[in-house]
Amino acid sequence: MDIKDEANTRLNAFEKIIHSIPGFKGYYERELRRDSDQVQREFIVAKMRQVKDQIQMLIKEVAREKRLDLLTDYDEVMRGLEKFINEVRYADKGYSGFFDLVKITQTQLEEIYQFDSAMVEKVFDFLEKFKNLSIDPLDKTELRYLKKNLEHMELTFRERDEILQGFSSEAIEVKKK
C-alpha cells in the first residue's frame, strides 16, 4: 500500500465530515501529496545515511589495514553519497503553495509523486547491491561500481527537477497568454 492510500484509510470521523465540504477534498489531497513527497524523500535520505555510516566503518577498517590506495576511492564514494543525500533532502517539494507564482496541478503532483515512488525502488536496489558487497572492505572495482550506481541515481533524481522546471515553464507560458 502506498503512503497516500495509507493516510486516506486512517481518516477519523471529523476528517471524513470535512471531506464532504466542496473544494476541501482537493486541498486536502494536495496537502497529502506534499506530505507524502516529504516522507518519501526523508526515507531515501535515512536509507542512504545508513549506507554512509557503513562506508565510514569500512574506511576505518581500510585505514587500520593501511590500504591507503583505497582511501581515495572511498572518499569519492562518500562525496557522491553526500551529494545525493543533500540533493534529495533539499529538493523542491513537488507542490505549490496557495500564494506561489507557479501553480502545479493535481495531475502534475501525481506525476512527481510517481517519480518519487520509483526513486524509492532505485534506492532499495542500490541498498541491495551495497549489502551484497559490504561484507569485507571493498576493492577498487566494487567502489567504482557503487560510484557508478550513485551517479545514475543522482542523474535520475535530477530528472525530477527537470519535470518541476517544465511545469514552471508551462505555467509561465500560460500566464503570458
C-alpha atoms as a PDB file:
ATOM      1  CA  MET A   1       0.000   0.000   0.000  1.00  0.00           C
ATOM      2  CA  ASP A   2       1.402   3.410  -0.784  1.00  0.00           C
ATOM      3  CA  ILE A   3       1.728   6.314   1.657  1.00  0.00           C
ATOM      4  CA  LYS A   4      -1.248   8.296   0.287  1.00  0.00           C
ATOM      5  CA  ASP A   5      -3.597   5.308   0.435  1.00  0.00           C
ATOM      6  CA  GLU A   6      -2.495   4.517   3.972  1.00  0.00           C
ATOM      7  CA  ALA A   7      -3.175   8.101   5.087  1.00  0.00           C
ATOM      8  CA  ASN A   8      -6.620   8.074   3.468  1.00  0.00           C
ATOM      9  CA  THR A   9      -7.592   4.882   5.314  1.00  0.00           C
ATOM     10  CA  ARG A  10      -6.713   6.475   8.656  1.00  0.00           C
ATOM     11  CA  LEU A  11      -9.205   9.346   8.467  1.00  0.00           C
ATOM     12  CA  ASN A  12     -11.164   9.901  11.661  1.00  0.00           C
ATOM     13  CA  ALA A  13     -14.865  10.805  11.717  1.00  0.00           C
ATOM     14  CA  PHE A  14     -14.200  14.557  11.827  1.00  0.00           C
ATOM     15  CA  GLU A  15     -11.857  14.371   8.821  1.00  0.00           C
ATOM     16  CA  LYS A  16     -14.455  12.383   6.890  1.00  0.00           C
ATOM     17  CA  ILE A  17     -17.053  15.111   7.558  1.00  0.00           C
ATOM     18  CA  ILE A  18     -14.628  17.840   6.478  1.00  0.00           C
ATOM     19  CA  HIS A  19     -14.025  15.972   3.228  1.00  0.00           C
ATOM     20  CA  SER A  20     -17.654  16.495   2.312  1.00  0.00           C
ATOM     21  CA  ILE A  21     -17.081  20.290   2.134  1.00  0.00           C
ATOM     22  CA  PRO A  22     -16.851  21.369  -1.537  1.00  0.00           C
ATOM     23  CA  GLY A  23     -13.276  22.208  -2.533  1.00  0.00           C
ATOM     24  CA  PHE A  24     -11.713  20.887   0.656  1.00  0.00           C
ATOM     25  CA  LYS A  25     -11.021  17.423  -0.675  1.00  0.00           C
ATOM     26  CA  GLY A  26      -8.781  18.786  -3.458  1.00  0.00           C
ATOM     27  CA  TYR A  27      -6.914  20.952  -0.970  1.00  0.00           C
ATOM     28  CA  TYR A  28      -6.511  18.008   1.375  1.00  0.00           C
ATOM     29  CA  GLU A  29      -5.234  15.747  -1.421  1.00  0.00           C
ATOM     30  CA  ARG A  30      -2.622  18.329  -2.410  1.00  0.00           C
ATOM     31  CA  GLU A  31      -1.502  18.569   1.216  1.00  0.00           C
ATOM     32  CA  LEU A  32      -1.428  14.780   1.459  1.00  0.00           C
ATOM     33  CA  ARG A  33       0.738  14.593  -1.672  1.00  0.00           C
ATOM     34  CA  ARG A  34       3.054  17.213  -0.236  1.00  0.00           C
ATOM     35  CA  ASP A  35       3.388  15.283   2.997  1.00  0.00           C
ATOM     36  CA  SER A  36       3.845  12.001   1.111  1.00  0.00           C
ATOM     37  CA  ASP A  37       6.566  13.595  -1.012  1.00  0.00           C
ATOM     38  CA  GLN A  38       8.362  14.755   2.138  1.00  0.00           C
ATOM     39  CA  VAL A  39       8.066  11.331   3.800  1.00  0.00           C
ATOM     40  CA  GLN A  40       9.437   9.568   0.719  1.00  0.00           C
ATOM     41  CA  ARG A  41      12.408  11.891   0.467  1.00  0.00           C
ATOM     42  CA  GLU A  42      13.145  11.576   4.205  1.00  0.00           C
ATOM     43  CA  PHE A  43      13.023   7.791   3.816  1.00  0.00           C
ATOM     44  CA  ILE A  44      15.533   7.916   0.948  1.00  0.00           C
ATOM     45  CA  VAL A  45      17.836  10.171   2.980  1.00  0.00           C
ATOM     46  CA  ALA A  46      17.650   7.880   6.033  1.00  0.00           C
ATOM     47  CA  LYS A  47      18.496   4.781   3.989  1.00  0.00           C
ATOM     48  CA  MET A  48      21.389   6.479   2.229  1.00  0.00           C
ATOM     49  CA  ARG A  49      22.746   7.714   5.565  1.00  0.00           C
ATOM     50  CA  GLN A  50      22.820   4.090   6.716  1.00  0.00           C
ATOM     51  CA  VAL A  51      24.991   3.282   3.696  1.00  0.00           C
ATOM     52  CA  LYS A  52      27.180   6.271   4.514  1.00  0.00           C
ATOM     53  CA  ASP A  53      27.618   5.064   8.105  1.00  0.00           C
ATOM     54  CA  GLN A  54      28.601   1.595   6.898  1.00  0.00           C
ATOM     55  CA  ILE A  55      31.099   3.031   4.433  1.00  0.00           C
ATOM     56  CA  GLN A  56      32.619   5.149   7.197  1.00  0.00           C
ATOM     57  CA  MET A  57      33.156   1.956   9.222  1.00  0.00           C
ATOM     58  CA  LEU A  58      34.760   0.323   6.172  1.00  0.00           C
ATOM     59  CA  ILE A  59      37.033   3.363   5.771  1.00  0.00           C
ATOM     60  CA  LYS A  60      38.221   2.956   9.364  1.00  0.00           C
ATOM     61  CA  GLU A  61      38.958  -0.701   8.709  1.00  0.00           C
ATOM     62  CA  VAL A  62      40.829   0.106   5.487  1.00  0.00           C
ATOM     63  CA  ALA A  63      42.847   2.777   7.328  1.00  0.00           C
ATOM     64  CA  ARG A  64      43.691   0.313  10.124  1.00  0.00           C
ATOM     65  CA  GLU A  65      44.898  -2.166   7.499  1.00  0.00           C
ATOM     66  CA  LYS A  66      46.949   0.667   5.941  1.00  0.00           C
ATOM     67  CA  ARG A  67      45.420   0.131   2.488  1.00  0.00           C
ATOM     68  CA  LEU A  68      45.850   3.784   1.645  1.00  0.00           C
ATOM     69  CA  ASP A  69      45.449   3.124  -2.091  1.00  0.00           C
ATOM     70  CA  LEU A  70      41.710   2.581  -1.482  1.00  0.00           C
ATOM     71  CA  LEU A  71      41.073   5.715   0.570  1.00  0.00           C
ATOM     72  CA  THR A  72      40.772   7.973  -2.481  1.00  0.00           C
ATOM     73  CA  ASP A  73      38.153   5.681  -3.995  1.00  0.00           C
ATOM     74  CA  TYR A  74      36.264   5.512  -0.713  1.00  0.00           C
ATOM     75  CA  ASP A  75      36.412   9.300  -0.492  1.00  0.00           C
ATOM     76  CA  GLU A  76      34.866   9.616  -3.957  1.00  0.00           C
ATOM     77  CA  VAL A  77      32.010   7.301  -2.971  1.00  0.00           C
ATOM     78  CA  MET A  78      31.479   9.263   0.257  1.00  0.00           C
ATOM     79  CA  ARG A  79      31.369  12.566  -1.632  1.00  0.00           C
ATOM     80  CA  GLY A  80      28.892  11.042  -4.082  1.00  0.00           C
ATOM     81  CA  LEU A  81      26.718   9.827  -1.222  1.00  0.00           C
ATOM     82  CA  GLU A  82      26.806  13.218   0.495  1.00  0.00           C
ATOM     83  CA  LYS A  83      25.894  14.983  -2.726  1.00  0.00           C
ATOM     84  CA  PHE A  84      22.994  12.628  -3.423  1.00  0.00           C
ATOM     85  CA  ILE A  85      21.716  12.837   0.160  1.00  0.00           C
ATOM     86  CA  ASN A  86      21.773  16.644   0.041  1.00  0.00           C
ATOM     87  CA  GLU A  87      20.062  16.784  -3.350  1.00  0.00           C
ATOM     88  CA  VAL A  88      17.251  14.563  -2.132  1.00  0.00           C
ATOM     89  CA  ARG A  89      16.988  16.264   1.236  1.00  0.00           C
ATOM     90  CA  TYR A  90      16.810  19.797  -0.152  1.00  0.00           C
ATOM     91  CA  ALA A  91      14.876  19.060  -3.362  1.00  0.00           C
ATOM     92  CA  ASP A  92      11.825  21.089  -4.301  1.00  0.00           C
ATOM     93  CA  LYS A  93       8.818  19.751  -2.500  1.00  0.00           C
ATOM     94  CA  GLY A  94       6.831  18.942  -5.615  1.00  0.00           C
ATOM     95  CA  TYR A  95       3.869  21.138  -4.825  1.00  0.00           C
ATOM     96  CA  SER A  96       2.888  24.775  -4.984  1.00  0.00           C
ATOM     97  CA  GLY A  97       1.586  26.796  -2.108  1.00  0.00           C
ATOM     98  CA  PHE A  98      -1.528  28.943  -2.178  1.00  0.00           C
ATOM     99  CA  PHE A  99       0.343  32.168  -2.983  1.00  0.00           C
ATOM    100  CA  ASP A 100       3.071  30.711  -5.228  1.00  0.00           C
ATOM    101  CA  LEU A 101       3.502  32.349  -8.641  1.00  0.00           C
ATOM    102  CA  VAL A 102       3.786  28.968 -10.370  1.00  0.00           C
ATOM    103  CA  LYS A 103       0.922  26.573  -9.685  1.00  0.00           C
ATOM    104  CA  ILE A 104       1.366  22.841 -10.050  1.00  0.00           C
ATOM    105  CA  THR A 105      -1.795  20.967 -10.940  1.00  0.00           C
ATOM    106  CA  GLN A 106      -3.050  17.803  -9.283  1.00  0.00           C
ATOM    107  CA  THR A 107      -2.035  15.749 -12.338  1.00  0.00           C
ATOM    108  CA  GLN A 108       1.468  17.183 -12.210  1.00  0.00           C
ATOM    109  CA  LEU A 109       1.677  16.484  -8.479  1.00  0.00           C
ATOM    110  CA  GLU A 110       0.710  12.889  -9.166  1.00  0.00           C
ATOM    111  CA  GLU A 111       3.494  12.622 -11.759  1.00  0.00           C
ATOM    112  CA  ILE A 112       6.053  13.901  -9.230  1.00  0.00           C
ATOM    113  CA  TYR A 113       4.699  11.511  -6.606  1.00  0.00           C
ATOM    114  CA  GLN A 114       5.018   8.571  -9.009  1.00  0.00           C
ATOM    115  CA  PHE A 115       8.555   9.656  -9.850  1.00  0.00           C
ATOM    116  CA  ASP A 116       9.459   9.777  -6.152  1.00  0.00           C
ATOM    117  CA  SER A 117       7.953   6.313  -5.620  1.00  0.00           C
ATOM    118  CA  ALA A 118      10.089   4.949  -8.459  1.00  0.00           C
ATOM    119  CA  MET A 119      13.122   6.625  -6.892  1.00  0.00           C
ATOM    120  CA  VAL A 120      12.463   4.729  -3.642  1.00  0.00           C
ATOM    121  CA  GLU A 121      12.649   1.499  -5.654  1.00  0.00           C
ATOM    122  CA  LYS A 122      16.009   2.572  -7.104  1.00  0.00           C
ATOM    123  CA  VAL A 123      17.284   3.249  -3.594  1.00  0.00           C
ATOM    124  CA  PHE A 124      16.222  -0.250  -2.495  1.00  0.00           C
ATOM    125  CA  ASP A 125      18.090  -1.689  -5.478  1.00  0.00           C
ATOM    126  CA  PHE A 126      21.189   0.301  -4.515  1.00  0.00           C
ATOM    127  CA  LEU A 127      20.915  -0.857  -0.895  1.00  0.00           C
ATOM    128  CA  GLU A 128      20.672  -4.470  -2.011  1.00  0.00           C
ATOM    129  CA  LYS A 129      23.748  -4.100  -4.232  1.00  0.00           C
ATOM    130  CA  PHE A 130      25.633  -2.427  -1.402  1.00  0.00           C
ATOM    131  CA  LYS A 131      24.599  -5.102   1.109  1.00  0.00           C
ATOM    132  CA  ASN A 132      25.907  -7.810  -1.191  1.00  0.00           C
ATOM    133  CA  LEU A 133      29.267  -6.044  -1.444  1.00  0.00           C
ATOM    134  CA  SER A 134      29.831  -4.657   2.036  1.00  0.00           C
ATOM    135  CA  ILE A 135      30.838  -7.771   3.957  1.00  0.00           C
ATOM    136  CA  ASP A 136      34.556  -7.017   3.664  1.00  0.00           C
ATOM    137  CA  PRO A 137      36.355  -3.808   2.749  1.00  0.00           C
ATOM    138  CA  LEU A 138      35.528  -3.077  -0.859  1.00  0.00           C
ATOM    139  CA  ASP A 139      38.124  -3.224  -3.588  1.00  0.00           C
ATOM    140  CA  LYS A 140      38.563  -0.626  -6.344  1.00  0.00           C
ATOM    141  CA  THR A 141      36.217  -2.407  -8.766  1.00  0.00           C
ATOM    142  CA  GLU A 142      33.404  -2.611  -6.193  1.00  0.00           C
ATOM    143  CA  LEU A 143      33.892   1.026  -5.206  1.00  0.00           C
ATOM    144  CA  ARG A 144      33.716   2.128  -8.846  1.00  0.00           C
ATOM    145  CA  TYR A 145      30.572   0.047  -9.263  1.00  0.00           C
ATOM    146  CA  LEU A 146      28.950   1.772  -6.263  1.00  0.00           C
ATOM    147  CA  LYS A 147      30.069   5.177  -7.504  1.00  0.00           C
ATOM    148  CA  LYS A 148      28.574   4.485 -10.932  1.00  0.00           C
ATOM    149  CA  ASN A 149      25.264   3.426  -9.343  1.00  0.00           C
ATOM    150  CA  LEU A 150      25.252   6.559  -7.194  1.00  0.00           C
ATOM    151  CA  GLU A 151      25.851   8.745 -10.246  1.00  0.00           C
ATOM    152  CA  HIS A 152      22.979   7.006 -12.039  1.00  0.00           C
ATOM    153  CA  MET A 153      20.630   7.621  -9.091  1.00  0.00           C
ATOM    154  CA  GLU A 154      21.728  11.241  -8.923  1.00  0.00           C
ATOM    155  CA  LEU A 155      21.038  11.760 -12.640  1.00  0.00           C
ATOM    156  CA  THR A 156      17.669  10.083 -12.281  1.00  0.00           C
ATOM    157  CA  PHE A 157      16.785  12.321  -9.337  1.00  0.00           C
ATOM    158  CA  ARG A 158      17.769  15.394 -11.345  1.00  0.00           C
ATOM    159  CA  GLU A 159      15.047  14.428 -13.831  1.00  0.00           C
ATOM    160  CA  ARG A 160      12.614  15.281 -11.043  1.00  0.00           C
ATOM    161  CA  ASP A 161      13.887  18.868 -11.012  1.00  0.00           C
ATOM    162  CA  GLU A 162      13.597  18.986 -14.789  1.00  0.00           C
ATOM    163  CA  ILE A 163       9.987  17.832 -14.504  1.00  0.00           C
ATOM    164  CA  LEU A 164       9.266  20.570 -11.947  1.00  0.00           C
ATOM    165  CA  GLN A 165      11.049  23.169 -14.080  1.00  0.00           C
ATOM    166  CA  GLY A 166       8.999  22.033 -17.068  1.00  0.00           C
ATOM    167  CA  PHE A 167       5.851  22.623 -15.052  1.00  0.00           C
ATOM    168  CA  SER A 168       7.140  26.062 -14.112  1.00  0.00           C
ATOM    169  CA  SER A 169       7.773  26.899 -17.768  1.00  0.00           C
ATOM    170  CA  GLU A 170       4.301  25.698 -18.764  1.00  0.00           C
ATOM    171  CA  ALA A 171       2.667  27.784 -16.038  1.00  0.00           C
ATOM    172  CA  ILE A 172       4.617  30.892 -17.006  1.00  0.00           C
ATOM    173  CA  GLU A 173       3.694  30.402 -20.683  1.00  0.00           C
ATOM    174  CA  VAL A 174       0.010  30.067 -19.765  1.00  0.00           C
ATOM    175  CA  LYS A 175       0.123  33.242 -17.661  1.00  0.00           C
ATOM    176  CA  LYS A 176       1.699  35.189 -20.568  1.00  0.00           C
ATOM    177  CA  LYS A 177      -1.231  34.311 -22.848  1.00  0.00           C
END
